[in-house]
């Protein structure tokens, strides 16, 4: 899903937010890369070079790691658990959403004492 790169202003805001989130959550570059699939080189480029940009797709993956949309990530907003789940579901392709819904319903039906 190619989206292009972030604008120069958004790239700086994204960089600031990345540094803030990594510091606040104690996230390492290795952990972020492993969990998002975004290469260490890309993460380090954004972290270390003012004005460096990344693709919108990478921005979405990094924001999703923190359970946020790109806008919530850039604004350093706190998101509750329901909001984090909503943000993750929005990243799932429409074809896969019925499967996720069925799995959630299965979990609900399997609860003891339902």
Protein backbone atom coordinates (compact mmCIF):
# COMPACT_ATOMS: atom_id res chain seq x y z
CA UNK A 1 0.00 0.00 0.00
CA UNK A 2 2.22 2.86 -1.20
CA UNK A 3 1.28 6.23 0.26
CA UNK A 4 4.32 8.44 -0.38
CA UNK A 5 6.39 10.39 2.14
CA UNK A 6 5.43 12.69 4.97
CA UNK A 7 5.62 16.43 4.25
CA UNK A 8 8.64 18.33 5.63
CA UNK A 9 6.64 19.89 8.48
CA UNK A 10 4.94 16.62 9.34
CA UNK A 11 8.30 14.81 9.17
CA UNK A 12 9.75 17.09 11.87
CA UNK A 13 6.64 16.66 14.02
CA UNK A 14 6.84 12.89 13.49
CA UNK A 15 10.52 12.87 14.50
CA UNK A 16 9.76 14.83 17.68
CA UNK A 17 6.88 12.46 18.48
CA UNK A 18 9.04 9.40 17.80
CA UNK A 19 11.70 10.61 20.23
CA UNK A 20 9.02 11.43 22.82
CA UNK A 21 7.29 8.03 22.52
CA UNK A 22 10.53 6.06 22.57
CA UNK A 23 11.74 7.92 25.66
CA UNK A 24 8.41 7.78 27.47
CA UNK A 25 7.96 4.05 26.83
CA UNK A 26 11.60 2.98 27.01
CA UNK A 27 11.39 1.60 23.46
CA UNK A 28 14.63 0.55 21.81
CA UNK A 29 15.30 0.82 18.09
CA UNK A 30 15.69 -2.97 17.94
CA UNK A 31 12.31 -3.54 19.61
CA UNK A 32 10.53 -1.01 17.41
CA UNK A 33 12.07 -2.49 14.27
CA UNK A 34 11.29 -6.07 15.27
CA UNK A 35 7.66 -5.34 16.18
CA UNK A 36 6.83 -3.04 13.24
CA UNK A 37 8.92 -4.45 10.42
CA UNK A 38 10.35 -0.96 9.81
CA UNK A 39 14.10 -1.28 9.30
CA UNK A 40 16.55 -0.05 11.93
CA UNK A 41 18.12 2.16 9.26
CA UNK A 42 14.83 3.97 8.65
CA UNK A 43 14.12 4.39 12.37
CA UNK A 44 17.64 5.68 13.02
CA UNK A 45 17.45 8.04 10.04
CA UNK A 46 14.26 9.61 11.42
CA UNK A 47 15.64 9.72 14.98
CA UNK A 48 19.03 11.19 14.18
CA UNK A 49 18.54 13.49 11.20
CA UNK A 50 16.42 16.60 11.56
CA UNK A 51 14.14 16.91 8.56
CA UNK A 52 14.47 13.25 7.58
CA UNK A 53 11.21 11.77 6.40
CA UNK A 54 9.71 8.32 6.15
CA UNK A 55 6.86 6.82 4.20
CA UNK A 56 3.30 7.19 5.40
CA UNK A 57 3.15 3.39 5.61
CA UNK A 58 6.13 3.33 8.01
CA UNK A 59 4.56 6.15 10.02
CA UNK A 60 1.34 4.14 10.32
CA UNK A 61 3.23 1.02 11.46
CA UNK A 62 5.21 2.95 14.07
CA UNK A 63 2.12 4.77 15.36
CA UNK A 64 0.23 1.45 15.51
CA UNK A 65 3.00 -0.03 17.67
CA UNK A 66 1.95 2.52 20.28
CA UNK A 67 -1.75 1.84 19.59
CA UNK A 68 -2.29 5.18 17.93
CA UNK A 69 -3.26 6.72 14.62
CA UNK A 70 -0.56 8.85 12.99
CA UNK A 71 -2.33 12.04 14.12
CA UNK A 72 -2.62 10.81 17.72
CA UNK A 73 1.04 9.78 17.59
CA UNK A 74 2.23 13.16 16.30
CA UNK A 75 0.12 15.00 18.89
CA UNK A 76 1.46 12.67 21.64
CA UNK A 77 -2.12 12.00 22.74
CA UNK A 78 -2.95 9.41 25.36
CA UNK A 79 -5.28 6.74 23.99
CA UNK A 80 -7.34 4.38 26.14
CA UNK A 81 -7.50 0.63 25.53
CA UNK A 82 -10.66 0.82 23.40
CA UNK A 83 -9.08 3.56 21.30
CA UNK A 84 -5.94 1.47 20.79
CA UNK A 85 -8.03 -1.51 19.65
CA UNK A 86 -10.04 0.70 17.29
CA UNK A 87 -6.84 2.09 15.78
CA UNK A 88 -5.47 -1.41 15.20
CA UNK A 89 -8.70 -2.68 13.63
CA UNK A 90 -8.66 0.27 11.22
CA UNK A 91 -5.29 -0.96 9.90
CA UNK A 92 -6.73 -4.38 9.02
CA UNK A 93 -7.88 -4.77 5.43
CA UNK A 94 -11.67 -4.83 4.94
CA UNK A 95 -11.45 -8.42 3.67
CA UNK A 96 -9.91 -9.61 6.96
CA UNK A 97 -12.16 -7.67 9.36
CA UNK A 98 -14.97 -10.29 9.33
CA UNK A 99 -12.44 -12.91 10.44
CA UNK A 100 -11.28 -10.69 13.31
CA UNK A 101 -14.90 -10.04 14.29
CA UNK A 102 -15.63 -13.79 14.26
CA UNK A 103 -12.60 -14.42 16.48
CA UNK A 104 -13.74 -11.78 18.96
CA UNK A 105 -17.24 -13.26 19.01
CA UNK A 106 -15.71 -16.70 19.58
CA UNK A 107 -13.76 -15.37 22.55
CA UNK A 108 -16.90 -13.82 23.98
CA UNK A 109 -18.87 -17.04 23.55
CA UNK A 110 -16.11 -19.07 25.21
CA UNK A 111 -16.17 -17.02 28.42
CA UNK A 112 -16.92 -19.02 31.52
CA UNK A 113 -20.29 -18.12 33.04
CA UNK A 114 -21.46 -16.12 30.03
